[in-house]
């Protein structure tokens, strides 16, 4: 059983999917604008086994039948439905899973729209926490 929810805990969901259809890191501009992040990881599960178990997600309708659901309290993006493009699938924002580290994406999609710097993340310095020596300008 997959379980997850929003940051504040107001909305919870579950899926009885043992095997997921796909898990991809999406670089499209629509996902970037909706999340405020450079990419979003989506885990596709059968719609018939997906359910919101607590609270009620808020729906925002996008173009082409896109339905994006999020928590109306904390704003966390949760899942996506689009019967025309993804019939029978609920696409879960996999970072909202209770055990998000258990499911690694298997592909990057919509790379034609990927931000240039995302292709070379492994070349950037990496820190376990906030790096030392960063000073901010006072106003």
N, C-alpha and C. Protein backbone atom coordinates (compact mmCIF):
# COMPACT_ATOMS: atom_id res chain seq x y z
N UNK A 1 0.85 -1.18 0.00
CA UNK A 1 0.00 0.00 0.00
C UNK A 1 0.89 1.24 0.00
N UNK A 2 0.67 2.13 -0.94
CA UNK A 2 1.35 3.42 -0.96
C UNK A 2 0.51 4.42 -0.20
N UNK A 3 1.13 5.20 0.66
CA UNK A 3 0.41 6.25 1.39
C UNK A 3 1.22 7.53 1.34
N UNK A 4 0.52 8.64 1.45
CA UNK A 4 1.20 9.93 1.46
C UNK A 4 0.22 11.03 1.76
N UNK A 5 0.72 12.26 1.67
CA UNK A 5 -0.13 13.40 1.93
C UNK A 5 0.62 14.70 1.89
N UNK A 6 -0.08 15.74 2.25
CA UNK A 6 0.48 17.09 2.20
C UNK A 6 1.36 17.36 3.42
N UNK A 7 2.01 18.49 3.39
CA UNK A 7 2.94 18.88 4.45
C UNK A 7 2.24 19.06 5.80
N UNK A 8 1.07 19.66 5.82
CA UNK A 8 0.39 19.94 7.09
C UNK A 8 -0.44 18.77 7.59
N UNK A 9 -0.66 17.75 6.76
CA UNK A 9 -1.42 16.58 7.17
C UNK A 9 -2.91 16.67 6.95
N UNK A 10 -3.40 17.76 6.39
CA UNK A 10 -4.84 17.92 6.18
C UNK A 10 -5.38 16.96 5.12
N UNK A 11 -4.58 16.66 4.10
CA UNK A 11 -5.00 15.77 3.02
C UNK A 11 -4.07 14.56 2.99
N UNK A 12 -4.67 13.36 3.00
CA UNK A 12 -3.93 12.11 2.93
C UNK A 12 -4.51 11.28 1.80
N UNK A 13 -3.68 10.45 1.18
CA UNK A 13 -4.13 9.58 0.11
C UNK A 13 -3.48 8.21 0.25
N UNK A 14 -4.01 7.26 -0.52
CA UNK A 14 -3.41 5.92 -0.57
C UNK A 14 -3.66 5.32 -1.94
N UNK A 15 -2.83 4.36 -2.28
CA UNK A 15 -3.01 3.59 -3.50
C UNK A 15 -2.67 2.15 -3.18
N UNK A 16 -3.49 1.23 -3.66
CA UNK A 16 -3.22 -0.17 -3.42
C UNK A 16 -2.30 -0.76 -4.49
N UNK A 17 -1.69 0.10 -5.29
CA UNK A 17 -0.83 -0.35 -6.37
C UNK A 17 0.41 -1.06 -5.84
N UNK A 18 0.56 -2.32 -6.22
CA UNK A 18 1.80 -3.04 -5.90
C UNK A 18 2.85 -2.69 -6.94
N UNK A 19 2.43 -2.64 -8.18
CA UNK A 19 3.33 -2.29 -9.27
C UNK A 19 2.86 -0.98 -9.88
N UNK A 20 3.76 -0.05 -10.00
CA UNK A 20 3.39 1.24 -10.57
C UNK A 20 3.65 1.23 -12.07
N UNK A 21 2.88 2.00 -12.79
CA UNK A 21 3.00 2.04 -14.25
C UNK A 21 4.31 2.68 -14.69
N UNK A 22 4.65 3.79 -14.05
CA UNK A 22 5.89 4.49 -14.39
C UNK A 22 6.19 5.52 -13.31
N UNK A 23 7.44 5.94 -13.26
CA UNK A 23 7.84 6.98 -12.32
C UNK A 23 8.87 7.84 -13.04
N UNK A 24 8.50 9.06 -13.34
CA UNK A 24 9.37 9.93 -14.12
C UNK A 24 9.53 11.30 -13.51
N UNK A 25 10.67 11.89 -13.77
CA UNK A 25 10.97 13.26 -13.37
C UNK A 25 10.63 14.16 -14.54
N UNK A 26 9.58 14.97 -14.39
CA UNK A 26 9.08 15.79 -15.50
C UNK A 26 9.70 17.18 -15.48
N UNK A 27 10.17 17.60 -16.65
CA UNK A 27 10.81 18.90 -16.81
C UNK A 27 9.95 19.91 -17.55
N UNK A 28 8.68 19.61 -17.79
CA UNK A 28 7.86 20.52 -18.60
C UNK A 28 7.60 21.85 -17.88
N UNK A 29 7.38 22.87 -18.67
CA UNK A 29 7.15 24.21 -18.13
C UNK A 29 5.89 24.27 -17.27
N UNK A 30 4.87 23.50 -17.62
CA UNK A 30 3.64 23.52 -16.84
C UNK A 30 3.88 22.97 -15.43
N UNK A 31 4.62 21.88 -15.32
CA UNK A 31 4.95 21.34 -13.99
C UNK A 31 5.81 22.32 -13.20
N UNK A 32 6.75 22.96 -13.87
CA UNK A 32 7.60 23.95 -13.18
C UNK A 32 6.76 25.09 -12.63
N UNK A 33 5.87 25.63 -13.44
CA UNK A 33 5.04 26.75 -12.99
C UNK A 33 4.10 26.34 -11.88
N UNK A 34 3.55 25.15 -11.97
CA UNK A 34 2.60 24.71 -10.95
C UNK A 34 3.27 24.40 -9.62
N UNK A 35 4.52 23.94 -9.65
CA UNK A 35 5.20 23.54 -8.41
C UNK A 35 6.16 24.59 -7.87
N UNK A 36 6.64 25.47 -8.74
CA UNK A 36 7.67 26.41 -8.33
C UNK A 36 9.03 25.74 -8.21
N UNK A 37 9.18 24.56 -8.79
CA UNK A 37 10.42 23.79 -8.74
C UNK A 37 10.91 23.54 -10.16
N UNK A 38 12.19 23.23 -10.34
CA UNK A 38 12.72 23.02 -11.69
C UNK A 38 12.25 21.72 -12.34
N UNK A 39 11.72 20.78 -11.56
CA UNK A 39 11.19 19.53 -12.08
C UNK A 39 10.29 18.90 -11.01
N UNK A 40 9.42 18.00 -11.43
CA UNK A 40 8.52 17.31 -10.51
C UNK A 40 8.56 15.81 -10.82
N UNK A 41 8.68 14.99 -9.78
CA UNK A 41 8.64 13.53 -9.95
C UNK A 41 7.20 13.06 -9.81
N UNK A 42 6.76 12.26 -10.79
CA UNK A 42 5.39 11.75 -10.85
C UNK A 42 5.41 10.23 -10.86
N UNK A 43 4.61 9.63 -9.99
CA UNK A 43 4.46 8.19 -9.91
C UNK A 43 3.05 7.83 -10.37
N UNK A 44 2.97 7.11 -11.50
CA UNK A 44 1.67 6.74 -12.06
C UNK A 44 1.14 5.49 -11.38
N UNK A 45 -0.10 5.57 -10.90
CA UNK A 45 -0.77 4.43 -10.27
C UNK A 45 -2.16 4.27 -10.91
N UNK A 46 -2.72 3.06 -10.86
CA UNK A 46 -4.08 2.88 -11.41
C UNK A 46 -5.09 3.74 -10.64
N UNK A 47 -5.88 4.49 -11.38
CA UNK A 47 -6.88 5.38 -10.78
C UNK A 47 -7.87 4.61 -9.91
N UNK A 48 -8.22 3.40 -10.31
CA UNK A 48 -9.20 2.62 -9.56
C UNK A 48 -8.75 2.25 -8.16
N UNK A 49 -7.45 2.21 -7.91
CA UNK A 49 -6.94 1.87 -6.59
C UNK A 49 -6.44 3.05 -5.80
N UNK A 50 -6.69 4.26 -6.32
CA UNK A 50 -6.22 5.49 -5.67
C UNK A 50 -7.39 6.15 -4.94
N UNK A 51 -7.16 6.64 -3.72
CA UNK A 51 -8.23 7.32 -2.99
C UNK A 51 -7.65 8.35 -2.03
N UNK A 52 -8.36 9.46 -1.90
CA UNK A 52 -8.06 10.42 -0.84
C UNK A 52 -8.73 9.86 0.41
N UNK A 53 -7.95 9.69 1.48
CA UNK A 53 -8.45 9.05 2.69
C UNK A 53 -8.73 10.03 3.83
N UNK A 54 -8.25 11.26 3.68
CA UNK A 54 -8.49 12.27 4.72
C UNK A 54 -8.50 13.64 4.06
N UNK A 55 -9.43 14.46 4.44
CA UNK A 55 -9.52 15.81 3.90
C UNK A 55 -10.02 15.81 2.47
N UNK A 56 -9.88 16.96 1.86
CA UNK A 56 -10.31 17.11 0.47
C UNK A 56 -9.32 18.00 -0.25
N UNK A 57 -8.74 17.49 -1.33
CA UNK A 57 -7.80 18.27 -2.12
C UNK A 57 -8.56 19.29 -2.96
N UNK A 58 -7.92 20.42 -3.21
CA UNK A 58 -8.48 21.47 -4.05
C UNK A 58 -8.05 21.19 -5.49
N UNK A 59 -8.96 21.40 -6.41
CA UNK A 59 -8.71 21.13 -7.83
C UNK A 59 -8.48 22.42 -8.59
N UNK A 60 -7.45 22.39 -9.46
CA UNK A 60 -7.21 23.50 -10.39
C UNK A 60 -7.20 22.90 -11.78
N UNK A 61 -8.04 23.43 -12.67
CA UNK A 61 -8.13 22.92 -14.03
C UNK A 61 -7.18 23.66 -14.95
N UNK A 62 -6.32 22.90 -15.60
CA UNK A 62 -5.38 23.46 -16.57
C UNK A 62 -5.87 23.20 -17.98
N UNK A 63 -4.99 23.34 -18.94
CA UNK A 63 -5.34 23.15 -20.34
C UNK A 63 -5.39 21.67 -20.70
N UNK A 64 -6.19 21.34 -21.69
CA UNK A 64 -6.22 19.99 -22.24
C UNK A 64 -6.74 18.93 -21.30
N UNK A 65 -7.59 19.29 -20.37
CA UNK A 65 -8.17 18.32 -19.45
C UNK A 65 -7.34 18.06 -18.20
N UNK A 66 -6.29 18.82 -18.00
CA UNK A 66 -5.43 18.64 -16.83
C UNK A 66 -6.15 19.07 -15.56
N UNK A 67 -6.11 18.22 -14.55
CA UNK A 67 -6.65 18.52 -13.23
C UNK A 67 -5.51 18.36 -12.23
N UNK A 68 -5.10 19.44 -11.61
CA UNK A 68 -4.04 19.40 -10.60
C UNK A 68 -4.70 19.57 -9.23
N UNK A 69 -4.33 18.68 -8.30
CA UNK A 69 -4.91 18.69 -6.97
C UNK A 69 -3.85 19.03 -5.94
N UNK A 70 -4.23 19.87 -4.98
CA UNK A 70 -3.29 20.33 -3.96
C UNK A 70 -4.03 20.55 -2.66
N UNK A 71 -3.28 20.71 -1.57
CA UNK A 71 -3.88 21.01 -0.27
C UNK A 71 -4.24 22.49 -0.23
N UNK A 72 -5.47 22.79 0.13
CA UNK A 72 -5.92 24.17 0.23
C UNK A 72 -5.39 24.87 1.47
N UNK A 73 -4.84 24.14 2.41
CA UNK A 73 -4.30 24.74 3.63
C UNK A 73 -2.83 25.09 3.48
N UNK A 74 -1.99 24.10 3.10
CA UNK A 74 -0.54 24.35 3.03
C UNK A 74 -0.03 24.53 1.61
N UNK A 75 -0.85 24.21 0.60
CA UNK A 75 -0.46 24.43 -0.79
C UNK A 75 0.32 23.30 -1.44
N UNK A 76 0.57 22.22 -0.74
CA UNK A 76 1.34 21.11 -1.30
C UNK A 76 0.63 20.51 -2.50
N UNK A 77 1.34 20.42 -3.65
CA UNK A 77 0.81 19.71 -4.81
C UNK A 77 0.79 18.22 -4.52
N UNK A 78 -0.30 17.52 -4.89
CA UNK A 78 -0.46 16.12 -4.51
C UNK A 78 -0.58 15.15 -5.68
N UNK A 79 -1.52 15.41 -6.58
CA UNK A 79 -1.71 14.47 -7.69
C UNK A 79 -2.34 15.18 -8.88
N UNK A 80 -2.31 14.46 -10.01
CA UNK A 80 -2.71 15.00 -11.30
C UNK A 80 -3.58 13.96 -12.00
N UNK A 81 -4.66 14.42 -12.58
CA UNK A 81 -5.52 13.56 -13.39
C UNK A 81 -5.71 14.20 -14.75
N UNK A 82 -5.73 13.38 -15.79
CA UNK A 82 -6.03 13.86 -17.13
C UNK A 82 -6.51 12.67 -17.94
N UNK A 83 -7.82 12.50 -17.98
CA UNK A 83 -8.41 11.35 -18.66
C UNK A 83 -8.09 11.26 -20.13
N UNK A 84 -7.83 12.38 -20.78
CA UNK A 84 -7.51 12.36 -22.21
C UNK A 84 -6.07 11.90 -22.47
N UNK A 85 -5.15 12.32 -21.63
CA UNK A 85 -3.73 12.01 -21.84
C UNK A 85 -3.30 10.77 -21.06
N UNK A 86 -3.83 10.61 -19.85
CA UNK A 86 -3.46 9.50 -18.97
C UNK A 86 -4.72 8.77 -18.49
N UNK A 87 -5.44 8.11 -19.41
CA UNK A 87 -6.68 7.46 -19.00
C UNK A 87 -6.42 6.35 -17.97
N UNK A 88 -7.23 6.35 -16.90
CA UNK A 88 -7.13 5.32 -15.88
C UNK A 88 -5.95 5.45 -14.95
N UNK A 89 -5.29 6.61 -14.96
CA UNK A 89 -4.09 6.81 -14.14
C UNK A 89 -4.25 8.01 -13.22
N UNK A 90 -3.78 7.85 -12.00
CA UNK A 90 -3.58 8.97 -11.08
C UNK A 90 -2.08 9.16 -11.01
N UNK A 91 -1.61 10.35 -11.28
CA UNK A 91 -0.18 10.66 -11.23
C UNK A 91 0.10 11.36 -9.91
N UNK A 92 0.77 10.67 -9.00
CA UNK A 92 1.06 11.19 -7.66
C UNK A 92 2.39 11.94 -7.69
N UNK A 93 2.43 13.12 -7.08
CA UNK A 93 3.72 13.80 -6.88
C UNK A 93 4.46 12.98 -5.83
N UNK A 94 5.43 12.21 -6.29
CA UNK A 94 6.02 11.15 -5.46
C UNK A 94 6.80 11.68 -4.26
N UNK A 95 7.19 12.93 -4.26
CA UNK A 95 7.85 13.49 -3.08
C UNK A 95 6.90 13.58 -1.89
N UNK A 96 5.58 13.43 -2.14
CA UNK A 96 4.60 13.49 -1.05
C UNK A 96 4.30 12.12 -0.46
N UNK A 97 4.93 11.07 -0.97
CA UNK A 97 4.77 9.74 -0.39
C UNK A 97 5.39 9.70 1.00
N UNK A 98 4.81 8.91 1.88
CA UNK A 98 5.37 8.77 3.22
C UNK A 98 6.79 8.22 3.16
N UNK A 99 7.06 7.33 2.21
CA UNK A 99 8.40 6.79 2.01
C UNK A 99 8.86 7.14 0.60
N UNK A 100 9.07 8.43 0.36
CA UNK A 100 9.41 8.92 -0.97
C UNK A 100 10.72 8.35 -1.49
N UNK A 101 11.64 8.00 -0.61
CA UNK A 101 12.94 7.49 -1.03
C UNK A 101 12.86 6.05 -1.54
N UNK A 102 11.75 5.37 -1.29
CA UNK A 102 11.60 3.97 -1.69
C UNK A 102 11.34 3.81 -3.19
N UNK A 103 11.00 4.88 -3.87
CA UNK A 103 10.65 4.81 -5.28
C UNK A 103 11.46 5.82 -6.08
N UNK A 104 12.52 5.36 -6.70
CA UNK A 104 13.36 6.25 -7.51
C UNK A 104 12.76 6.37 -8.91
N UNK A 105 12.76 7.58 -9.48
CA UNK A 105 12.29 7.72 -10.86
C UNK A 105 13.13 6.87 -11.81
N UNK A 106 12.47 6.34 -12.83
CA UNK A 106 13.17 5.52 -13.81
C UNK A 106 13.52 6.25 -15.08
N UNK A 107 13.03 7.49 -15.22
CA UNK A 107 13.29 8.25 -16.45
C UNK A 107 13.05 9.73 -16.20
N UNK A 108 13.66 10.54 -17.05
CA UNK A 108 13.38 11.97 -17.11
C UNK A 108 12.54 12.18 -18.36
N UNK A 109 11.46 12.95 -18.23
CA UNK A 109 10.58 13.19 -19.37
C UNK A 109 10.45 14.69 -19.64
N UNK A 110 9.98 15.00 -20.83
CA UNK A 110 9.82 16.38 -21.30
C UNK A 110 11.15 17.14 -21.23
N UNK A 111 12.23 16.45 -21.55
CA UNK A 111 13.57 17.06 -21.49
C UNK A 111 13.76 18.18 -22.51
N UNK A 112 12.90 18.23 -23.52
CA UNK A 112 12.97 19.32 -24.49
C UNK A 112 12.70 20.66 -23.81
N UNK A 113 12.01 20.64 -22.65
CA UNK A 113 11.70 21.85 -21.91
C UNK A 113 12.55 22.00 -20.64
N UNK A 114 13.50 21.11 -20.45
CA UNK A 114 14.33 21.12 -19.24
C UNK A 114 15.16 22.40 -19.16
N UNK A 115 15.23 22.97 -17.96
CA UNK A 115 16.10 24.12 -17.73
C UNK A 115 17.55 23.68 -17.96
N UNK A 116 18.34 24.51 -18.60
CA UNK A 116 19.69 24.15 -18.98
C UNK A 116 20.54 23.62 -17.84
N UNK A 117 20.47 24.26 -16.69
CA UNK A 117 21.33 23.85 -15.58
C UNK A 117 20.96 22.49 -14.99
N UNK A 118 19.75 22.01 -15.26
CA UNK A 118 19.33 20.72 -14.71
C UNK A 118 20.10 19.54 -15.32
N UNK A 119 20.66 19.73 -16.50
CA UNK A 119 21.41 18.65 -17.16
C UNK A 119 22.78 18.43 -16.54
N UNK A 120 23.25 19.38 -15.73
CA UNK A 120 24.60 19.25 -15.17
C UNK A 120 24.62 19.38 -13.64
N UNK A 121 23.57 18.96 -12.98
CA UNK A 121 23.51 19.06 -11.52
C UNK A 121 24.66 18.32 -10.83
N UNK A 122 25.07 17.20 -11.40
CA UNK A 122 26.14 16.43 -10.77
C UNK A 122 27.48 17.14 -10.80
N UNK A 123 27.60 18.22 -11.56
CA UNK A 123 28.84 18.99 -11.62
C UNK A 123 28.90 20.11 -10.58
N UNK A 124 27.79 20.38 -9.91
CA UNK A 124 27.75 21.44 -8.90
C UNK A 124 28.27 20.93 -7.56
N UNK A 125 28.86 21.82 -6.76
CA UNK A 125 29.22 21.40 -5.39
C UNK A 125 27.96 20.98 -4.65
N UNK A 126 28.10 19.99 -3.77
CA UNK A 126 26.97 19.49 -2.99
C UNK A 126 27.33 19.54 -1.51
N UNK A 127 26.37 19.95 -0.70
CA UNK A 127 26.55 20.09 0.74
C UNK A 127 25.46 19.30 1.46
N UNK A 128 25.79 18.66 2.57
CA UNK A 128 24.79 17.93 3.35
C UNK A 128 23.75 18.87 3.94
N UNK A 129 24.15 20.06 4.27
CA UNK A 129 23.26 21.09 4.82
C UNK A 129 23.63 22.42 4.17
N UNK A 130 23.06 23.52 4.67
CA UNK A 130 23.35 24.85 4.14
C UNK A 130 24.86 25.10 4.17
N UNK A 131 25.46 25.54 3.07
CA UNK A 131 26.92 25.70 3.03
C UNK A 131 27.41 26.84 3.92
N UNK A 132 28.58 26.67 4.51
CA UNK A 132 29.14 27.75 5.35
C UNK A 132 29.66 28.89 4.49
N UNK A 133 29.79 30.04 5.10
CA UNK A 133 30.42 31.18 4.41
C UNK A 133 29.52 31.98 3.50
N UNK A 134 28.24 31.72 3.49
CA UNK A 134 27.32 32.51 2.67
C UNK A 134 26.88 33.72 3.48
N UNK A 135 27.13 34.88 2.96
CA UNK A 135 26.72 36.11 3.64
C UNK A 135 25.68 36.81 2.79
N UNK A 136 24.71 37.36 3.42
CA UNK A 136 23.66 38.08 2.74
C UNK A 136 23.86 39.58 2.92
N UNK A 137 23.51 40.31 1.89
CA UNK A 137 23.61 41.76 1.97
C UNK A 137 22.53 42.30 2.89
N UNK A 138 22.91 43.24 3.74
CA UNK A 138 21.91 43.88 4.59
C UNK A 138 21.28 45.02 3.82
N UNK A 139 20.01 45.26 4.09
CA UNK A 139 19.32 46.35 3.39
C UNK A 139 19.26 47.58 4.24
